[in-house]
């Protein structure tokens, strides 16, 4: 299962993949603003990548305001464990 998640994330563009990893580091659920801090970009630069993640179904709208979450905890785990250290 984790290998399939790795393949799915590998099909993303580099910027979107970086945002996906930043979201995983920010937690599940996560706020886009925190993910932007992780990758050190303005939140407005992050949003097109978040839109792509939503279109692909990797993340979905969360329960709180401006909150997003991974489609499943296993997806979060696969992305988090695959993120580079440091």
PDB file of N, CA and C in Angstrom:
ATOM      1  N   UNK A   1       0.815  -1.191   0.000  1.00  0.00           N
ATOM      2  CA  UNK A   1       0.000   0.000   0.000  1.00  0.00           C
ATOM      3  C   UNK A   1       0.863   1.261   0.000  1.00  0.00           C
ATOM      4  N   UNK A   2       1.909   1.291   0.834  1.00  0.00           N
ATOM      5  CA  UNK A   2       2.762   2.469   0.891  1.00  0.00           C
ATOM      6  C   UNK A   2       3.517   2.681  -0.414  1.00  0.00           C
ATOM      7  N   UNK A   3       3.868   1.607  -1.098  1.00  0.00           N
ATOM      8  CA  UNK A   3       4.537   1.737  -2.394  1.00  0.00           C
ATOM      9  C   UNK A   3       3.614   2.390  -3.410  1.00  0.00           C
ATOM     10  N   UNK A   4       2.339   2.038  -3.382  1.00  0.00           N
ATOM     11  CA  UNK A   4       1.365   2.639  -4.296  1.00  0.00           C
ATOM     12  C   UNK A   4       1.222   4.134  -4.027  1.00  0.00           C
ATOM     13  N   UNK A   5       1.267   4.517  -2.780  1.00  0.00           N
ATOM     14  CA  UNK A   5       1.176   5.936  -2.430  1.00  0.00           C
ATOM     15  C   UNK A   5       2.420   6.665  -2.934  1.00  0.00           C
ATOM     16  N   UNK A   6       3.566   6.022  -2.828  1.00  0.00           N
ATOM     17  CA  UNK A   6       4.802   6.600  -3.354  1.00  0.00           C
ATOM     18  C   UNK A   6       4.729   6.801  -4.850  1.00  0.00           C
ATOM     19  N   UNK A   7       4.159   5.839  -5.554  1.00  0.00           N
ATOM     20  CA  UNK A   7       4.000   5.960  -7.008  1.00  0.00           C
ATOM     21  C   UNK A   7       3.029   7.084  -7.351  1.00  0.00           C
ATOM     22  N   UNK A   8       1.955   7.180  -6.583  1.00  0.00           N
ATOM     23  CA  UNK A   8       0.973   8.236  -6.833  1.00  0.00           C
ATOM     24  C   UNK A   8       1.595   9.615  -6.630  1.00  0.00           C
ATOM     25  N   UNK A   9       2.351   9.772  -5.574  1.00  0.00           N
ATOM     26  CA  UNK A   9       2.980  11.072  -5.335  1.00  0.00           C
ATOM     27  C   UNK A   9       4.095  11.344  -6.347  1.00  0.00           C
ATOM     28  N   UNK A  10       4.745  10.300  -6.852  1.00  0.00           N
ATOM     29  CA  UNK A  10       5.793  10.480  -7.854  1.00  0.00           C
ATOM     30  C   UNK A  10       5.232  11.016  -9.170  1.00  0.00           C
ATOM     31  N   UNK A  11       3.937  10.830  -9.407  1.00  0.00           N
ATOM     32  CA  UNK A  11       3.323  11.323 -10.642  1.00  0.00           C
ATOM     33  C   UNK A  11       3.037  12.822 -10.589  1.00  0.00           C
ATOM     34  N   UNK A  12       3.232  13.434  -9.436  1.00  0.00           N
ATOM     35  CA  UNK A  12       2.997  14.869  -9.278  1.00  0.00           C
ATOM     36  C   UNK A  12       4.197  15.663  -9.765  1.00  0.00           C
ATOM     37  N   UNK A  13       3.961  16.903 -10.135  1.00  0.00           N
ATOM     38  CA  UNK A  13       5.066  17.806 -10.420  1.00  0.00           C
ATOM     39  C   UNK A  13       5.880  18.042  -9.159  1.00  0.00           C
ATOM     40  N   UNK A  14       7.118  18.453  -9.318  1.00  0.00           N
ATOM     41  CA  UNK A  14       8.008  18.611  -8.161  1.00  0.00           C
ATOM     42  C   UNK A  14       7.444  19.584  -7.129  1.00  0.00           C
ATOM     43  N   UNK A  15       6.906  20.718  -7.569  1.00  0.00           N
ATOM     44  CA  UNK A  15       6.360  21.690  -6.625  1.00  0.00           C
ATOM     45  C   UNK A  15       5.182  21.136  -5.843  1.00  0.00           C
ATOM     46  N   UNK A  16       4.301  20.439  -6.528  1.00  0.00           N
ATOM     47  CA  UNK A  16       3.127  19.855  -5.858  1.00  0.00           C
ATOM     48  C   UNK A  16       3.557  18.744  -4.920  1.00  0.00           C
ATOM     49  N   UNK A  17       4.536  17.962  -5.322  1.00  0.00           N
ATOM     50  CA  UNK A  17       5.048  16.890  -4.454  1.00  0.00           C
ATOM     51  C   UNK A  17       5.674  17.493  -3.190  1.00  0.00           C
ATOM     52  N   UNK A  18       6.376  18.613  -3.346  1.00  0.00           N
ATOM     53  CA  UNK A  18       6.982  19.273  -2.186  1.00  0.00           C
ATOM     54  C   UNK A  18       5.898  19.789  -1.233  1.00  0.00           C
ATOM     55  N   UNK A  19       4.824  20.320  -1.781  1.00  0.00           N
ATOM     56  CA  UNK A  19       3.715  20.797  -0.952  1.00  0.00           C
ATOM     57  C   UNK A  19       3.036  19.626  -0.252  1.00  0.00           C
ATOM     58  N   UNK A  20       2.898  18.506  -0.942  1.00  0.00           N
ATOM     59  CA  UNK A  20       2.311  17.309  -0.334  1.00  0.00           C
ATOM     60  C   UNK A  20       3.144  16.857   0.866  1.00  0.00           C
ATOM     61  N   UNK A  21       4.451  16.850   0.704  1.00  0.00           N
ATOM     62  CA  UNK A  21       5.337  16.475   1.815  1.00  0.00           C
ATOM     63  C   UNK A  21       5.232  17.485   2.961  1.00  0.00           C
ATOM     64  N   UNK A  22       5.180  18.770   2.616  1.00  0.00           N
ATOM     65  CA  UNK A  22       5.058  19.802   3.650  1.00  0.00           C
ATOM     66  C   UNK A  22       3.752  19.638   4.411  1.00  0.00           C
ATOM     67  N   UNK A  23       2.683  19.296   3.702  1.00  0.00           N
ATOM     68  CA  UNK A  23       1.392  19.065   4.357  1.00  0.00           C
ATOM     69  C   UNK A  23       1.492  17.886   5.314  1.00  0.00           C
ATOM     70  N   UNK A  24       2.181  16.834   4.910  1.00  0.00           N
ATOM     71  CA  UNK A  24       2.339  15.666   5.780  1.00  0.00           C
ATOM     72  C   UNK A  24       3.122  16.031   7.037  1.00  0.00           C
ATOM     73  N   UNK A  25       4.138  16.857   6.866  1.00  0.00           N
ATOM     74  CA  UNK A  25       4.931  17.287   8.021  1.00  0.00           C
ATOM     75  C   UNK A  25       4.089  18.180   8.935  1.00  0.00           C
ATOM     76  N   UNK A  26       3.223  18.994   8.341  1.00  0.00           N
ATOM     77  CA  UNK A  26       2.354  19.884   9.123  1.00  0.00           C
ATOM     78  C   UNK A  26       1.326  19.095   9.922  1.00  0.00           C
ATOM     79  N   UNK A  27       1.008  17.886   9.506  1.00  0.00           N
ATOM     80  CA  UNK A  27       0.098  17.031  10.265  1.00  0.00           C
ATOM     81  C   UNK A  27      -1.167  16.697   9.493  1.00  0.00           C
ATOM     82  N   UNK A  28      -1.981  15.903  10.103  1.00  0.00           N
ATOM     83  CA  UNK A  28      -3.246  15.503   9.489  1.00  0.00           C
ATOM     84  C   UNK A  28      -4.333  15.565  10.548  1.00  0.00           C
ATOM     85  N   UNK A  29      -5.225  16.514  10.461  1.00  0.00           N
ATOM     86  CA  UNK A  29      -5.416  17.515   9.407  1.00  0.00           C
ATOM     87  C   UNK A  29      -4.357  18.612   9.471  1.00  0.00           C
ATOM     88  N   UNK A  30      -4.313  19.431   8.420  1.00  0.00           N
ATOM     89  CA  UNK A  30      -3.321  20.504   8.367  1.00  0.00           C
ATOM     90  C   UNK A  30      -3.962  21.780   7.847  1.00  0.00           C
ATOM     91  N   UNK A  31      -3.307  22.872   8.134  1.00  0.00           N
ATOM     92  CA  UNK A  31      -3.718  24.184   7.645  1.00  0.00           C
ATOM     93  C   UNK A  31      -2.728  24.568   6.544  1.00  0.00           C
ATOM     94  N   UNK A  32      -3.196  25.040   5.393  1.00  0.00           N
ATOM     95  CA  UNK A  32      -2.276  25.412   4.313  1.00  0.00           C
ATOM     96  C   UNK A  32      -1.212  26.420   4.751  1.00  0.00           C
ATOM     97  N   UNK A  33      -1.566  27.313   5.674  1.00  0.00           N
ATOM     98  CA  UNK A  33      -0.585  28.285   6.141  1.00  0.00           C
ATOM     99  C   UNK A  33       0.605  27.630   6.823  1.00  0.00           C
ATOM    100  N   UNK A  34       0.362  26.578   7.576  1.00  0.00           N
ATOM    101  CA  UNK A  34       1.452  25.865   8.240  1.00  0.00           C
ATOM    102  C   UNK A  34       2.300  25.114   7.231  1.00  0.00           C
ATOM    103  N   UNK A  35       1.671  24.517   6.235  1.00  0.00           N
ATOM    104  CA  UNK A  35       2.430  23.838   5.179  1.00  0.00           C
ATOM    105  C   UNK A  35       3.307  24.851   4.437  1.00  0.00           C
ATOM    106  N   UNK A  36       2.802  26.063   4.239  1.00  0.00           N
ATOM    107  CA  UNK A  36       3.592  27.106   3.576  1.00  0.00           C
ATOM    108  C   UNK A  36       4.825  27.457   4.401  1.00  0.00           C
ATOM    109  N   UNK A  37       4.677  27.478   5.713  1.00  0.00           N
ATOM    110  CA  UNK A  37       5.818  27.750   6.589  1.00  0.00           C
ATOM    111  C   UNK A  37       6.861  26.641   6.444  1.00  0.00           C
ATOM    112  N   UNK A  38       6.404  25.400   6.350  1.00  0.00           N
ATOM    113  CA  UNK A  38       7.327  24.262   6.222  1.00  0.00           C
ATOM    114  C   UNK A  38       8.196  24.401   4.976  1.00  0.00           C
ATOM    115  N   UNK A  39       7.605  24.833   3.863  1.00  0.00           N
ATOM    116  CA  UNK A  39       8.382  24.972   2.621  1.00  0.00           C
ATOM    117  C   UNK A  39       8.914  26.383   2.413  1.00  0.00           C
ATOM    118  N   UNK A  40       8.642  27.275   3.378  1.00  0.00           N
ATOM    119  CA  UNK A  40       9.163  28.649   3.359  1.00  0.00           C
ATOM    120  C   UNK A  40       8.754  29.405   2.099  1.00  0.00           C
ATOM    121  N   UNK A  41       7.454  29.349   1.784  1.00  0.00           N
ATOM    122  CA  UNK A  41       6.903  30.131   0.670  1.00  0.00           C
ATOM    123  C   UNK A  41       5.648  30.844   1.174  1.00  0.00           C
ATOM    124  N   UNK A  42       5.264  31.919   0.506  1.00  0.00           N
ATOM    125  CA  UNK A  42       3.998  32.549   0.879  1.00  0.00           C
ATOM    126  C   UNK A  42       2.836  31.589   0.618  1.00  0.00           C
ATOM    127  N   UNK A  43       1.830  31.666   1.452  1.00  0.00           N
ATOM    128  CA  UNK A  43       0.681  30.769   1.310  1.00  0.00           C
ATOM    129  C   UNK A  43       0.043  30.897  -0.079  1.00  0.00           C
ATOM    130  N   UNK A  44       0.034  32.097  -0.632  1.00  0.00           N
ATOM    131  CA  UNK A  44      -0.567  32.292  -1.959  1.00  0.00           C
ATOM    132  C   UNK A  44       0.163  31.485  -3.034  1.00  0.00           C
ATOM    133  N   UNK A  45       1.473  31.262  -2.882  1.00  0.00           N
ATOM    134  CA  UNK A  45       2.234  30.440  -3.831  1.00  0.00           C
ATOM    135  C   UNK A  45       1.904  28.961  -3.680  1.00  0.00           C
ATOM    136  N   UNK A  46       1.473  28.584  -2.505  1.00  0.00           N
ATOM    137  CA  UNK A  46       1.178  27.182  -2.198  1.00  0.00           C
ATOM    138  C   UNK A  46      -0.183  26.745  -2.732  1.00  0.00           C
ATOM    139  N   UNK A  47      -1.135  27.674  -2.806  1.00  0.00           N
ATOM    140  CA  UNK A  47      -2.522  27.326  -3.095  1.00  0.00           C
ATOM    141  C   UNK A  47      -2.758  26.629  -4.437  1.00  0.00           C
ATOM    142  N   UNK A  48      -2.077  26.997  -5.538  1.00  0.00           N
ATOM    143  CA  UNK A  48      -2.289  26.233  -6.773  1.00  0.00           C
ATOM    144  C   UNK A  48      -1.902  24.754  -6.621  1.00  0.00           C
ATOM    145  N   UNK A  49      -0.893  24.488  -5.829  1.00  0.00           N
ATOM    146  CA  UNK A  49      -0.479  23.102  -5.593  1.00  0.00           C
ATOM    147  C   UNK A  49      -1.513  22.376  -4.723  1.00  0.00           C
ATOM    148  N   UNK A  50      -2.063  23.083  -3.761  1.00  0.00           N
ATOM    149  CA  UNK A  50      -3.122  22.504  -2.929  1.00  0.00           C
ATOM    150  C   UNK A  50      -4.331  22.173  -3.800  1.00  0.00           C
ATOM    151  N   UNK A  51      -4.655  23.070  -4.721  1.00  0.00           N
ATOM    152  CA  UNK A  51      -5.763  22.798  -5.648  1.00  0.00           C
ATOM    153  C   UNK A  51      -5.521  21.517  -6.436  1.00  0.00           C
ATOM    154  N   UNK A  52      -4.283  21.312  -6.872  1.00  0.00           N
ATOM    155  CA  UNK A  52      -3.940  20.083  -7.614  1.00  0.00           C
ATOM    156  C   UNK A  52      -4.102  18.854  -6.722  1.00  0.00           C
ATOM    157  N   UNK A  53      -3.682  18.957  -5.475  1.00  0.00           N
ATOM    158  CA  UNK A  53      -3.834  17.828  -4.546  1.00  0.00           C
ATOM    159  C   UNK A  53      -5.308  17.520  -4.293  1.00  0.00           C
ATOM    160  N   UNK A  54      -6.126  18.554  -4.233  1.00  0.00           N
ATOM    161  CA  UNK A  54      -7.565  18.353  -4.078  1.00  0.00           C
ATOM    162  C   UNK A  54      -8.152  17.682  -5.322  1.00  0.00           C
ATOM    163  N   UNK A  55      -7.757  18.162  -6.504  1.00  0.00           N
ATOM    164  CA  UNK A  55      -8.250  17.557  -7.758  1.00  0.00           C
ATOM    165  C   UNK A  55      -7.879  16.082  -7.860  1.00  0.00           C
ATOM    166  N   UNK A  56      -6.700  15.761  -7.419  1.00  0.00           N
ATOM    167  CA  UNK A  56      -6.237  14.368  -7.505  1.00  0.00           C
ATOM    168  C   UNK A  56      -6.763  13.495  -6.374  1.00  0.00           C
ATOM    169  N   UNK A  57      -7.411  14.106  -5.404  1.00  0.00           N
ATOM    170  CA  UNK A  57      -8.005  13.340  -4.319  1.00  0.00           C
ATOM    171  C   UNK A  57      -7.029  12.893  -3.247  1.00  0.00           C
ATOM    172  N   UNK A  58      -5.844  13.470  -3.224  1.00  0.00           N
ATOM    173  CA  UNK A  58      -4.886  13.120  -2.175  1.00  0.00           C
ATOM    174  C   UNK A  58      -5.256  13.781  -0.852  1.00  0.00           C
ATOM    175  N   UNK A  59      -5.803  14.977  -0.946  1.00  0.00           N
ATOM    176  CA  UNK A  59      -6.303  15.668   0.240  1.00  0.00           C
ATOM    177  C   UNK A  59      -7.748  16.076  -0.019  1.00  0.00           C
ATOM    178  N   UNK A  60      -8.430  16.403   1.059  1.00  0.00           N
ATOM    179  CA  UNK A  60      -9.822  16.857   0.959  1.00  0.00           C
ATOM    180  C   UNK A  60     -10.050  17.933   2.007  1.00  0.00           C
ATOM    181  N   UNK A  61     -11.168  18.608   1.874  1.00  0.00           N
ATOM    182  CA  UNK A  61     -11.521  19.659   2.827  1.00  0.00           C
ATOM    183  C   UNK A  61     -11.779  19.019   4.183  1.00  0.00           C
ATOM    184  N   UNK A  62     -11.205  19.617   5.215  1.00  0.00           N
ATOM    185  CA  UNK A  62     -11.374  19.108   6.565  1.00  0.00           C
ATOM    186  C   UNK A  62     -12.625  19.661   7.223  1.00  0.00           C
ATOM    187  N   UNK A  63     -12.761  19.385   8.481  1.00  0.00           N
ATOM    188  CA  UNK A  63     -13.953  19.785   9.222  1.00  0.00           C
ATOM    189  C   UNK A  63     -13.875  21.215   9.750  1.00  0.00           C
ATOM    190  N   UNK A  64     -12.690  21.708  10.001  1.00  0.00           N
ATOM    191  CA  UNK A  64     -12.541  23.062  10.539  1.00  0.00           C
ATOM    192  C   UNK A  64     -12.352  24.085   9.442  1.00  0.00           C
ATOM    193  N   UNK A  65     -12.404  25.364   9.803  1.00  0.00           N
ATOM    194  CA  UNK A  65     -12.202  26.412   8.805  1.00  0.00           C
ATOM    195  C   UNK A  65     -10.784  26.368   8.239  1.00  0.00           C
ATOM    196  N   UNK A  66     -10.703  26.431   6.929  1.00  0.00           N
ATOM    197  CA  UNK A  66      -9.416  26.416   6.208  1.00  0.00           C
ATOM    198  C   UNK A  66      -8.560  25.209   6.589  1.00  0.00           C
ATOM    199  N   UNK A  67      -9.187  24.123   6.897  1.00  0.00           N
ATOM    200  CA  UNK A  67      -8.482  22.914   7.297  1.00  0.00           C
ATOM    201  C   UNK A  67      -8.594  21.877   6.179  1.00  0.00           C
ATOM    202  N   UNK A  68      -7.507  21.215   5.912  1.00  0.00           N
ATOM    203  CA  UNK A  68      -7.476  20.135   4.933  1.00  0.00           C
ATOM    204  C   UNK A  68      -6.990  18.877   5.627  1.00  0.00           C
ATOM    205  N   UNK A  69      -7.294  17.740   5.028  1.00  0.00           N
ATOM    206  CA  UNK A  69      -6.810  16.482   5.585  1.00  0.00           C
ATOM    207  C   UNK A  69      -6.509  15.520   4.444  1.00  0.00           C
ATOM    208  N   UNK A  70      -5.668  14.569   4.737  1.00  0.00           N
ATOM    209  CA  UNK A  70      -5.363  13.543   3.749  1.00  0.00           C
ATOM    210  C   UNK A  70      -6.576  12.646   3.579  1.00  0.00           C
ATOM    211  N   UNK A  71      -6.703  12.040   2.395  1.00  0.00           N
ATOM    212  CA  UNK A  71      -7.900  11.239   2.124  1.00  0.00           C
ATOM    213  C   UNK A  71      -8.004  10.044   3.047  1.00  0.00           C
ATOM    214  N   UNK A  72      -6.869   9.601   3.582  1.00  0.00           N
ATOM    215  CA  UNK A  72      -6.862   8.467   4.507  1.00  0.00           C
ATOM    216  C   UNK A  72      -5.582   8.543   5.344  1.00  0.00           C
ATOM    217  N   UNK A  73      -5.615   8.102   6.597  1.00  0.00           N
ATOM    218  CA  UNK A  73      -4.403   8.137   7.421  1.00  0.00           C
ATOM    219  C   UNK A  73      -3.226   7.376   6.800  1.00  0.00           C
ATOM    220  N   UNK A  74      -3.497   6.345   6.033  1.00  0.00           N
ATOM    221  CA  UNK A  74      -2.401   5.600   5.395  1.00  0.00           C
ATOM    222  C   UNK A  74      -1.704   6.462   4.342  1.00  0.00           C
ATOM    223  N   UNK A  75      -2.467   7.305   3.650  1.00  0.00           N
ATOM    224  CA  UNK A  75      -1.863   8.219   2.672  1.00  0.00           C
ATOM    225  C   UNK A  75      -0.950   9.194   3.410  1.00  0.00           C
ATOM    226  N   UNK A  76      -1.449   9.771   4.505  1.00  0.00           N
ATOM    227  CA  UNK A  76      -0.610  10.680   5.288  1.00  0.00           C
ATOM    228  C   UNK A  76       0.672   9.968   5.724  1.00  0.00           C
ATOM    229  N   UNK A  77       0.538   8.766   6.257  1.00  0.00           N
ATOM    230  CA  UNK A  77       1.705   8.023   6.745  1.00  0.00           C
ATOM    231  C   UNK A  77       2.703   7.755   5.624  1.00  0.00           C
ATOM    232  N   UNK A  78       2.204   7.324   4.469  1.00  0.00           N
ATOM    233  CA  UNK A  78       3.093   7.041   3.340  1.00  0.00           C
ATOM    234  C   UNK A  78       3.852   8.260   2.886  1.00  0.00           C
ATOM    235  N   UNK A  79       3.180   9.385   2.806  1.00  0.00           N
ATOM    236  CA  UNK A  79       3.843  10.622   2.385  1.00  0.00           C
ATOM    237  C   UNK A  79       4.824  11.087   3.461  1.00  0.00           C
ATOM    238  N   UNK A  80       4.400  11.041   4.707  1.00  0.00           N
ATOM    239  CA  UNK A  80       5.252  11.480   5.816  1.00  0.00           C
ATOM    240  C   UNK A  80       6.521  10.635   5.889  1.00  0.00           C
ATOM    241  N   UNK A  81       6.364   9.326   5.817  1.00  0.00           N
ATOM    242  CA  UNK A  81       7.538   8.455   5.918  1.00  0.00           C
ATOM    243  C   UNK A  81       8.445   8.571   4.698  1.00  0.00           C
ATOM    244  N   UNK A  82       7.891   8.993   3.572  1.00  0.00           N
ATOM    245  CA  UNK A  82       8.684   9.154   2.362  1.00  0.00           C
ATOM    246  C   UNK A  82       9.345  10.519   2.243  1.00  0.00           C
ATOM    247  N   UNK A  83       9.011  11.438   3.148  1.00  0.00           N
ATOM    248  CA  UNK A  83       9.582  12.779   3.094  1.00  0.00           C
ATOM    249  C   UNK A  83      11.062  12.727   3.486  1.00  0.00           C
ATOM    250  N   UNK A  84      11.882  13.523   2.801  1.00  0.00           N
ATOM    251  CA  UNK A  84      13.295  13.534   3.164  1.00  0.00           C
ATOM    252  C   UNK A  84      13.500  14.065   4.580  1.00  0.00           C
ATOM    253  N   UNK A  85      14.494  13.567   5.242  1.00  0.00           N
ATOM    254  CA  UNK A  85      14.823  13.996   6.607  1.00  0.00           C
ATOM    255  C   UNK A  85      15.474  15.365   6.562  1.00  0.00           C
ATOM    256  N   UNK A  86      15.102  16.208   7.513  1.00  0.00           N
ATOM    257  CA  UNK A  86      15.734  17.525   7.622  1.00  0.00           C
ATOM    258  C   UNK A  86      14.941  18.550   6.938  1.00  0.00           C
TER     259      UNK A  86
END
